Amino acid sequence: MADATQIHQIVMNLAANAAAAMGDGPGKLRVSCTTAILDAAEASAHPDLRPGRWVRLDVEDTGTGIPSEMLGRIFDPFFTTKGPGEGTGLGLSVVHGIVKAHEGAILVDSQLGVGTVFHIYLPALDSRQPDASRVSRTTAGGRGEHVLCVDDEPSLVELLTAQLEALGYRVTACDSSVDALAKFLAAPLDFDVLITDLTMPGMSGAELAERVLKVRPDLPVVVATGYGHIMGEERARALGLRRVLNKPFSMALLDEAIQEALATR
């Protein structure tokens, strides 16, 4: 009952990384999906695993491998081994977020000069008796709604864009509140929700929201901030904002906030 778009995003990101690791030389990419029954000893290998039945998705390559000292950091969105012009390095962070949102686990085995295999564990459901609460969580996400996403940190804009697209939303991203306002005013009816950082140079997120809401009072606005004490729920409601997210937040919480905001239109 997983979201197909997000599983596609997992495979594409891992396959792209595998291709980069194998470079121009000969190599082999292997993708497989099996059922895994874990006992208590096997489940103890990872804090997110538990005994029982899982669906295991493996993506394996014969590339250069990952140095052991880097394995603990590969899912960090601010850590990358990519050089300038080689991409953002955010793919594994997005994969990790999707797996966590599906209540799964991701394990990595890698040997230098031999290759790497990612093991994705997703909780198996009995197709005859699906868990309704879990289905609603894992199948949530966008249906092509257009999100205007604003943050003055370019790396965070890239990360949020990747996460939102993985969740099924269309994204127009800006690292300037002034630029975001211009894009909005050029086509105010094109957007379904605004997600904005609070503290930005030139124009704060609160000021941006105020100017946007004067044109589109019905537009849901979600503020993401590392200074939650500055923007409490009471002040947010007074400004017409639908939700305040305190950084850092998970993909699941981001999706929940957007869906909640859209439901109040």
C-alpha atoms as a PDB file:
ATOM      1  CA  MET A   1       0.000   0.000   0.000  1.00  0.00           C
ATOM      2  CA  ALA A   2       3.022   2.296  -0.394  1.00  0.00           C
ATOM      3  CA  ASP A   3       2.893   5.415  -2.546  1.00  0.00           C
ATOM      4  CA  ALA A   4       4.069   4.405  -6.026  1.00  0.00           C
ATOM      5  CA  THR A   5       5.555   7.807  -6.837  1.00  0.00           C
ATOM      6  CA  GLN A   6       7.718   7.726  -3.736  1.00  0.00           C
ATOM      7  CA  ILE A   7       8.919   4.155  -4.333  1.00  0.00           C
ATOM      8  CA  HIS A   8       9.822   5.236  -7.873  1.00  0.00           C
ATOM      9  CA  GLN A   9      11.811   8.100  -6.348  1.00  0.00           C
ATOM     10  CA  ILE A  10      13.722   5.640  -4.117  1.00  0.00           C
ATOM     11  CA  VAL A  11      14.700   3.397  -7.025  1.00  0.00           C
ATOM     12  CA  MET A  12      15.648   6.275  -9.339  1.00  0.00           C
ATOM     13  CA  ASN A  13      17.821   8.006  -6.720  1.00  0.00           C
ATOM     14  CA  LEU A  14      19.625   4.803  -5.733  1.00  0.00           C
ATOM     15  CA  ALA A  15      20.067   3.766  -9.366  1.00  0.00           C
ATOM     16  CA  ALA A  16      21.484   7.188 -10.268  1.00  0.00           C
ATOM     17  CA  ASN A  17      23.975   6.939  -7.405  1.00  0.00           C
ATOM     18  CA  ALA A  18      24.917   3.420  -8.492  1.00  0.00           C
ATOM     19  CA  ALA A  19      25.527   4.585 -12.054  1.00  0.00           C
ATOM     20  CA  ALA A  20      27.774   7.386 -10.791  1.00  0.00           C
ATOM     21  CA  ALA A  21      29.704   4.928  -8.592  1.00  0.00           C
ATOM     22  CA  MET A  22      30.314   2.604 -11.557  1.00  0.00           C
ATOM     23  CA  GLY A  23      31.358   5.450 -13.850  1.00  0.00           C
ATOM     24  CA  ASP A  24      32.277   4.729 -17.477  1.00  0.00           C
ATOM     25  CA  GLY A  25      33.679   1.269 -16.846  1.00  0.00           C
ATOM     26  CA  PRO A  26      31.806  -2.045 -16.966  1.00  0.00           C
ATOM     27  CA  GLY A  27      29.415  -2.602 -14.074  1.00  0.00           C
ATOM     28  CA  LYS A  28      26.227  -4.286 -12.982  1.00  0.00           C
ATOM     29  CA  LEU A  29      23.139  -2.792 -11.363  1.00  0.00           C
ATOM     30  CA  ARG A  30      20.824  -5.280  -9.673  1.00  0.00           C
ATOM     31  CA  VAL A  31      17.371  -4.375  -8.345  1.00  0.00           C
ATOM     32  CA  SER A  32      15.304  -7.012  -6.542  1.00  0.00           C
ATOM     33  CA  CYS A  33      12.226  -7.191  -4.354  1.00  0.00           C
ATOM     34  CA  THR A  34      11.563 -10.072  -1.957  1.00  0.00           C
ATOM     35  CA  THR A  35       9.656 -10.926   1.196  1.00  0.00           C
ATOM     36  CA  ALA A  36      11.759 -11.088   4.363  1.00  0.00           C
ATOM     37  CA  ILE A  37      10.685 -12.732   7.616  1.00  0.00           C
ATOM     38  CA  LEU A  38      12.856 -11.365  10.432  1.00  0.00           C
ATOM     39  CA  ASP A  39      13.333 -12.986  13.818  1.00  0.00           C
ATOM     40  CA  ALA A  40      14.300 -11.032  16.942  1.00  0.00           C
ATOM     41  CA  ALA A  41      18.031 -11.439  16.336  1.00  0.00           C
ATOM     42  CA  GLU A  42      17.821 -10.209  12.736  1.00  0.00           C
ATOM     43  CA  ALA A  43      15.540  -7.290  13.670  1.00  0.00           C
ATOM     44  CA  SER A  44      18.048  -6.122  16.286  1.00  0.00           C
ATOM     45  CA  ALA A  45      20.390  -5.062  13.445  1.00  0.00           C
ATOM     46  CA  HIS A  46      18.525  -1.743  13.120  1.00  0.00           C
ATOM     47  CA  PRO A  47      16.418   0.317  15.572  1.00  0.00           C
ATOM     48  CA  ASP A  48      13.641   0.745  12.986  1.00  0.00           C
ATOM     49  CA  LEU A  49      13.272  -3.007  12.375  1.00  0.00           C
ATOM     50  CA  ARG A  50      11.089  -5.383  14.364  1.00  0.00           C
ATOM     51  CA  PRO A  51      10.413  -9.110  14.103  1.00  0.00           C
ATOM     52  CA  GLY A  52       7.885 -10.070  11.465  1.00  0.00           C
ATOM     53  CA  ARG A  53       7.188  -9.885   7.750  1.00  0.00           C
ATOM     54  CA  TRP A  54       8.731  -7.179   5.561  1.00  0.00           C
ATOM     55  CA  VAL A  55       9.059  -6.345   1.896  1.00  0.00           C
ATOM     56  CA  ARG A  56      12.768  -5.908   1.098  1.00  0.00           C
ATOM     57  CA  LEU A  57      13.878  -3.841  -1.879  1.00  0.00           C
ATOM     58  CA  ASP A  58      17.589  -4.208  -2.723  1.00  0.00           C
ATOM     59  CA  VAL A  59      19.555  -1.931  -5.044  1.00  0.00           C
ATOM     60  CA  GLU A  60      23.084  -3.249  -5.614  1.00  0.00           C
ATOM     61  CA  ASP A  61      25.995  -2.028  -7.726  1.00  0.00           C
ATOM     62  CA  THR A  62      29.547  -3.088  -8.522  1.00  0.00           C
ATOM     63  CA  GLY A  63      30.951   0.410  -8.126  1.00  0.00           C
ATOM     64  CA  THR A  64      33.751   1.935  -6.112  1.00  0.00           C
ATOM     65  CA  GLY A  65      32.099   1.438  -2.730  1.00  0.00           C
ATOM     66  CA  ILE A  66      31.715   3.868   0.172  1.00  0.00           C
ATOM     67  CA  PRO A  67      34.543   4.432   2.687  1.00  0.00           C
ATOM     68  CA  SER A  68      33.591   3.145   6.140  1.00  0.00           C
ATOM     69  CA  GLU A  69      34.174   6.545   7.736  1.00  0.00           C
ATOM     70  CA  MET A  70      31.488   8.054   5.470  1.00  0.00           C
ATOM     71  CA  LEU A  71      28.763   5.424   5.948  1.00  0.00           C
ATOM     72  CA  GLY A  72      27.399   7.102   9.050  1.00  0.00           C
ATOM     73  CA  ARG A  73      26.858  10.404   7.221  1.00  0.00           C
ATOM     74  CA  ILE A  74      25.513   9.453   3.804  1.00  0.00           C
ATOM     75  CA  PHE A  75      21.886  10.299   4.716  1.00  0.00           C
ATOM     76  CA  ASP A  76      22.802  13.744   6.051  1.00  0.00           C
ATOM     77  CA  PRO A  77      21.352  16.357   3.642  1.00  0.00           C
ATOM     78  CA  PHE A  78      24.321  18.652   4.263  1.00  0.00           C
ATOM     79  CA  PHE A  79      26.961  16.007   3.520  1.00  0.00           C
ATOM     80  CA  THR A  80      28.023  15.202  -0.036  1.00  0.00           C
ATOM     81  CA  THR A  81      31.030  13.840  -1.873  1.00  0.00           C
ATOM     82  CA  LYS A  82      29.865  15.403  -5.142  1.00  0.00           C
ATOM     83  CA  GLY A  83      31.954  18.145  -6.669  1.00  0.00           C
ATOM     84  CA  PRO A  84      30.720  21.400  -8.243  1.00  0.00           C
ATOM     85  CA  GLY A  85      28.327  20.742 -11.122  1.00  0.00           C
ATOM     86  CA  GLU A  86      27.793  17.099 -10.135  1.00  0.00           C
ATOM     87  CA  GLY A  87      24.408  17.565  -8.461  1.00  0.00           C
ATOM     88  CA  THR A  88      23.153  18.442  -4.989  1.00  0.00           C
ATOM     89  CA  GLY A  89      23.939  15.186  -3.198  1.00  0.00           C
ATOM     90  CA  LEU A  90      20.438  15.230  -1.684  1.00  0.00           C
ATOM     91  CA  GLY A  91      19.242  11.932  -3.191  1.00  0.00           C
ATOM     92  CA  LEU A  92      20.051   9.702  -0.206  1.00  0.00           C
ATOM     93  CA  SER A  93      18.475  12.185   2.203  1.00  0.00           C
ATOM     94  CA  VAL A  94      15.259  12.040   0.189  1.00  0.00           C
ATOM     95  CA  VAL A  95      15.396   8.231   0.095  1.00  0.00           C
ATOM     96  CA  HIS A  96      15.879   8.101   3.850  1.00  0.00           C
ATOM     97  CA  GLY A  97      12.938  10.467   4.410  1.00  0.00           C
ATOM     98  CA  ILE A  98      10.608   8.394   2.225  1.00  0.00           C
ATOM     99  CA  VAL A  99      11.574   5.146   3.950  1.00  0.00           C
ATOM    100  CA  LYS A 100      11.024   6.682   7.394  1.00  0.00           C
ATOM    101  CA  ALA A 101       7.651   8.089   6.298  1.00  0.00           C
ATOM    102  CA  HIS A 102       6.620   4.543   5.352  1.00  0.00           C
ATOM    103  CA  GLU A 103       7.726   3.257   8.782  1.00  0.00           C
ATOM    104  CA  GLY A 104      10.561   1.327   7.165  1.00  0.00           C
ATOM    105  CA  ALA A 105      14.309   0.953   7.551  1.00  0.00           C
ATOM    106  CA  ILE A 106      17.312   1.285   5.275  1.00  0.00           C
ATOM    107  CA  LEU A 107      20.568  -0.679   5.723  1.00  0.00           C
ATOM    108  CA  VAL A 108      23.770  -0.298   3.707  1.00  0.00           C
ATOM    109  CA  ASP A 109      26.559  -2.778   2.983  1.00  0.00           C
ATOM    110  CA  SER A 110      29.587  -1.469   1.100  1.00  0.00           C
ATOM    111  CA  GLN A 111      33.120  -2.576   0.306  1.00  0.00           C
ATOM    112  CA  LEU A 112      35.724  -0.414  -1.384  1.00  0.00           C
ATOM    113  CA  GLY A 113      36.447  -1.664  -4.892  1.00  0.00           C
ATOM    114  CA  VAL A 114      33.613  -4.207  -4.698  1.00  0.00           C
ATOM    115  CA  GLY A 115      30.356  -2.251  -4.571  1.00  0.00           C
ATOM    116  CA  THR A 116      27.395  -1.200  -2.475  1.00  0.00           C
ATOM    117  CA  VAL A 117      23.966  -2.613  -1.715  1.00  0.00           C
ATOM    118  CA  PHE A 118      21.096  -0.709  -0.118  1.00  0.00           C
ATOM    119  CA  HIS A 119      18.487  -2.841   1.650  1.00  0.00           C
ATOM    120  CA  ILE A 120      15.125  -1.070   1.956  1.00  0.00           C
ATOM    121  CA  TYR A 121      12.715  -2.706   4.423  1.00  0.00           C
ATOM    122  CA  LEU A 122       9.040  -1.720   4.189  1.00  0.00           C
ATOM    123  CA  PRO A 123       6.373  -3.181   6.492  1.00  0.00           C
ATOM    124  CA  ALA A 124       4.354  -5.882   4.736  1.00  0.00           C
ATOM    125  CA  LEU A 125       0.580  -5.728   4.958  1.00  0.00           C
ATOM    126  CA  ASP A 126      -1.886  -8.548   4.564  1.00  0.00           C
ATOM    127  CA  SER A 127      -3.610  -7.550   1.314  1.00  0.00           C
ATOM    128  CA  ARG A 128      -6.806  -9.171   2.514  1.00  0.00           C
ATOM    129  CA  GLN A 129      -6.946  -7.117   5.715  1.00  0.00           C
ATOM    130  CA  PRO A 130      -5.044  -3.839   5.246  1.00  0.00           C
ATOM    131  CA  ASP A 131      -4.336  -1.671   8.260  1.00  0.00           C
ATOM    132  CA  ALA A 132      -6.514   1.365   7.458  1.00  0.00           C
ATOM    133  CA  SER A 133      -4.557   3.765   9.671  1.00  0.00           C
ATOM    134  CA  ARG A 134      -1.228   2.833   8.060  1.00  0.00           C
ATOM    135  CA  VAL A 135      -2.706   2.975   4.568  1.00  0.00           C
ATOM    136  CA  SER A 136      -3.874   6.539   5.112  1.00  0.00           C
ATOM    137  CA  ARG A 137      -0.422   7.583   6.327  1.00  0.00           C
ATOM    138  CA  THR A 138       1.595   5.963   3.575  1.00  0.00           C
ATOM    139  CA  THR A 139      -0.700   6.869   0.711  1.00  0.00           C
ATOM    140  CA  ALA A 140      -0.944  10.532   1.704  1.00  0.00           C
ATOM    141  CA  GLY A 141       0.858  13.015  -0.459  1.00  0.00           C
ATOM    142  CA  GLY A 142       0.299  15.423  -3.274  1.00  0.00           C
ATOM    143  CA  ARG A 143      -1.815  14.981  -6.349  1.00  0.00           C
ATOM    144  CA  GLY A 144       0.009  17.566  -8.424  1.00  0.00           C
ATOM    145  CA  GLU A 145      -0.885  20.567  -6.251  1.00  0.00           C
ATOM    146  CA  HIS A 146       1.326  23.579  -7.005  1.00  0.00           C
ATOM    147  CA  VAL A 147       3.532  24.642  -4.076  1.00  0.00           C
ATOM    148  CA  LEU A 148       5.383  27.954  -3.901  1.00  0.00           C
ATOM    149  CA  CYS A 149       8.401  27.148  -1.710  1.00  0.00           C
ATOM    150  CA  VAL A 150      10.598  29.922  -0.272  1.00  0.00           C
ATOM    151  CA  ASP A 151      13.785  29.813   1.834  1.00  0.00           C
ATOM    152  CA  ASP A 152      16.844  32.051   1.693  1.00  0.00           C
ATOM    153  CA  GLU A 153      19.201  29.043   2.059  1.00  0.00           C
ATOM    154  CA  PRO A 154      19.678  27.583  -1.464  1.00  0.00           C
ATOM    155  CA  SER A 155      20.590  24.127  -0.078  1.00  0.00           C
ATOM    156  CA  LEU A 156      17.350  23.994   1.912  1.00  0.00           C
ATOM    157  CA  VAL A 157      15.380  25.118  -1.144  1.00  0.00           C
ATOM    158  CA  GLU A 158      16.880  22.210  -3.105  1.00  0.00           C
ATOM    159  CA  LEU A 159      16.164  19.762  -0.286  1.00  0.00           C
ATOM    160  CA  LEU A 160      12.558  20.916   0.142  1.00  0.00           C
ATOM    161  CA  THR A 161      11.999  20.830  -3.616  1.00  0.00           C
ATOM    162  CA  ALA A 162      13.267  17.242  -3.823  1.00  0.00           C
ATOM    163  CA  GLN A 163      11.127  16.192  -0.863  1.00  0.00           C
ATOM    164  CA  LEU A 164       7.985  17.903  -2.146  1.00  0.00           C
ATOM    165  CA  GLU A 165       8.381  16.437  -5.632  1.00  0.00           C
ATOM    166  CA  ALA A 166       8.928  13.006  -4.086  1.00  0.00           C
ATOM    167  CA  LEU A 167       5.628  13.505  -2.243  1.00  0.00           C
ATOM    168  CA  GLY A 168       3.826  14.243  -5.513  1.00  0.00           C
ATOM    169  CA  TYR A 169       3.614  18.051  -5.522  1.00  0.00           C
ATOM    170  CA  ARG A 170       4.573  20.483  -8.291  1.00  0.00           C
ATOM    171  CA  VAL A 171       7.056  23.027  -6.979  1.00  0.00           C
ATOM    172  CA  THR A 172       8.101  26.547  -7.809  1.00  0.00           C
ATOM    173  CA  ALA A 173      11.117  27.233  -5.593  1.00  0.00           C
ATOM    174  CA  CYS A 174      12.716  30.567  -4.674  1.00  0.00           C
ATOM    175  CA  ASP A 175      15.628  31.531  -2.437  1.00  0.00           C
ATOM    176  CA  SER A 176      14.371  35.123  -2.237  1.00  0.00           C
ATOM    177  CA  SER A 177      11.080  36.299  -0.729  1.00  0.00           C
ATOM    178  CA  VAL A 178      11.058  39.242  -3.134  1.00  0.00           C
ATOM    179  CA  ASP A 179      11.406  36.892  -6.101  1.00  0.00           C
ATOM    180  CA  ALA A 180       8.691  34.644  -4.660  1.00  0.00           C
ATOM    181  CA  LEU A 181       6.284  37.553  -4.345  1.00  0.00           C
ATOM    182  CA  ALA A 182       6.952  38.562  -7.945  1.00  0.00           C
ATOM    183  CA  LYS A 183       6.258  35.020  -9.158  1.00  0.00           C
ATOM    184  CA  PHE A 184       3.058  34.891  -7.130  1.00  0.00           C
ATOM    185  CA  LEU A 185       1.783  38.267  -8.347  1.00  0.00           C
ATOM    186  CA  ALA A 186       2.450  37.238 -11.943  1.00  0.00           C
ATOM    187  CA  ALA A 187       0.032  34.293 -11.595  1.00  0.00           C
ATOM    188  CA  PRO A 188      -1.742  34.368  -8.213  1.00  0.00           C
ATOM    189  CA  LEU A 189      -4.290  31.699  -9.124  1.00  0.00           C
ATOM    190  CA  ASP A 190      -1.653  29.163 -10.174  1.00  0.00           C
ATOM    191  CA  PHE A 191      -0.594  28.238  -6.632  1.00  0.00           C
ATOM    192  CA  ASP A 192      -2.326  25.935  -4.174  1.00  0.00           C
ATOM    193  CA  VAL A 193      -0.152  26.508  -1.083  1.00  0.00           C
ATOM    194  CA  LEU A 194       2.750  28.702   0.062  1.00  0.00           C
ATOM    195  CA  ILE A 195       5.558  27.293   2.226  1.00  0.00           C
ATOM    196  CA  THR A 196       7.917  29.976   3.459  1.00  0.00           C
ATOM    197  CA  ASP A 197      10.802  30.392   5.844  1.00  0.00           C
ATOM    198  CA  LEU A 198      10.161  32.971   8.564  1.00  0.00           C
ATOM    199  CA  THR A 199      13.449  34.866   8.851  1.00  0.00           C
ATOM    200  CA  MET A 200      14.712  36.122   5.482  1.00  0.00           C
ATOM    201  CA  PRO A 201      16.532  39.267   4.318  1.00  0.00           C
ATOM    202  CA  GLY A 202      14.585  41.948   2.488  1.00  0.00           C
ATOM    203  CA  MET A 203      11.155  40.623   3.393  1.00  0.00           C
ATOM    204  CA  SER A 204      10.303  38.215   6.194  1.00  0.00           C
ATOM    205  CA  GLY A 205       8.101  35.201   5.705  1.00  0.00           C
ATOM    206  CA  ALA A 206       5.385  36.885   7.765  1.00  0.00           C
ATOM    207  CA  GLU A 207       5.507  39.965   5.512  1.00  0.00           C
ATOM    208  CA  LEU A 208       5.447  37.777   2.407  1.00  0.00           C
ATOM    209  CA  ALA A 209       2.437  35.880   3.731  1.00  0.00           C
ATOM    210  CA  GLU A 210       0.638  39.133   4.553  1.00  0.00           C
ATOM    211  CA  ARG A 211       1.111  40.515   1.035  1.00  0.00           C
ATOM    212  CA  VAL A 212       0.140  37.215  -0.587  1.00  0.00           C
ATOM    213  CA  LEU A 213      -3.002  36.873   1.536  1.00  0.00           C
ATOM    214  CA  LYS A 214      -4.155  40.364   0.561  1.00  0.00           C
ATOM    215  CA  VAL A 215      -4.404  39.067  -3.008  1.00  0.00           C
ATOM    216  CA  ARG A 216      -5.473  35.483  -2.223  1.00  0.00           C
ATOM    217  CA  PRO A 217      -7.086  35.323   1.259  1.00  0.00           C
ATOM    218  CA  ASP A 218      -7.948  31.660   0.625  1.00  0.00           C
ATOM    219  CA  LEU A 219      -4.360  30.543  -0.101  1.00  0.00           C
ATOM    220  CA  PRO A 220      -3.041  28.157   2.595  1.00  0.00           C
ATOM    221  CA  VAL A 221       0.261  29.376   4.061  1.00  0.00           C
ATOM    222  CA  VAL A 222       2.679  27.170   6.014  1.00  0.00           C
ATOM    223  CA  VAL A 223       5.628  28.798   7.793  1.00  0.00           C
ATOM    224  CA  ALA A 224       8.801  26.743   8.366  1.00  0.00           C
ATOM    225  CA  THR A 225      11.185  28.186  10.918  1.00  0.00           C
ATOM    226  CA  GLY A 226      14.057  27.421  13.232  1.00  0.00           C
ATOM    227  CA  TYR A 227      12.735  30.066  15.609  1.00  0.00           C
ATOM    228  CA  GLY A 228       9.435  28.594  16.712  1.00  0.00           C
ATOM    229  CA  HIS A 229       9.322  30.729  19.863  1.00  0.00           C
ATOM    230  CA  ILE A 230       9.062  33.820  17.646  1.00  0.00           C
ATOM    231  CA  MET A 231       6.069  32.561  15.678  1.00  0.00           C
ATOM    232  CA  GLY A 232       3.644  30.817  18.020  1.00  0.00           C
ATOM    233  CA  GLU A 233       0.336  29.280  16.965  1.00  0.00           C
ATOM    234  CA  GLU A 234      -1.644  32.270  18.296  1.00  0.00           C
ATOM    235  CA  ARG A 235       0.332  34.802  16.272  1.00  0.00           C
ATOM    236  CA  ALA A 236       0.202  32.496  13.246  1.00  0.00           C
ATOM    237  CA  ARG A 237      -3.592  32.375  13.396  1.00  0.00           C
ATOM    238  CA  ALA A 238      -3.750  36.162  13.746  1.00  0.00           C
ATOM    239  CA  LEU A 239      -1.711  36.481  10.556  1.00  0.00           C
ATOM    240  CA  GLY A 240      -3.917  33.999   8.705  1.00  0.00           C
ATOM    241  CA  LEU A 241      -1.268  31.248   8.581  1.00  0.00           C
ATOM    242  CA  ARG A 242      -2.461  27.640   8.602  1.00  0.00           C
ATOM    243  CA  ARG A 243       0.539  25.898  10.188  1.00  0.00           C
ATOM    244  CA  VAL A 244       3.965  26.583  11.740  1.00  0.00           C
ATOM    245  CA  LEU A 245       6.653  23.917  11.261  1.00  0.00           C
ATOM    246  CA  ASN A 246       9.729  23.954  13.467  1.00  0.00           C
ATOM    247  CA  LYS A 247      12.958  22.988  11.693  1.00  0.00           C
ATOM    248  CA  PRO A 248      14.160  20.318  11.301  1.00  0.00           C
ATOM    249  CA  PHE A 249      11.066  18.353  10.291  1.00  0.00           C
ATOM    250  CA  SER A 250      10.456  15.057   8.533  1.00  0.00           C
ATOM    251  CA  MET A 251       8.899  14.528   5.112  1.00  0.00           C
ATOM    252  CA  ALA A 252       5.908  12.930   6.825  1.00  0.00           C
ATOM    253  CA  LEU A 253       5.337  16.023   8.983  1.00  0.00           C
ATOM    254  CA  LEU A 254       5.785  18.313   5.982  1.00  0.00           C
ATOM    255  CA  ASP A 255       3.200  16.346   4.023  1.00  0.00           C
ATOM    256  CA  GLU A 256       0.829  16.323   6.991  1.00  0.00           C
ATOM    257  CA  ALA A 257       1.085  20.107   7.335  1.00  0.00           C
ATOM    258  CA  ILE A 258       0.376  20.678   3.634  1.00  0.00           C
ATOM    259  CA  GLN A 259      -2.566  18.283   3.587  1.00  0.00           C
ATOM    260  CA  GLU A 260      -3.982  19.884   6.731  1.00  0.00           C
ATOM    261  CA  ALA A 261      -3.599  23.343   5.206  1.00  0.00           C
ATOM    262  CA  LEU A 262      -5.201  22.303   1.910  1.00  0.00           C
ATOM    263  CA  ALA A 263      -8.145  20.762   3.750  1.00  0.00           C
ATOM    264  CA  THR A 264      -9.041  24.126   5.272  1.00  0.00           C
ATOM    265  CA  ARG A 265      -9.422  25.937   1.952  1.00  0.00           C
END
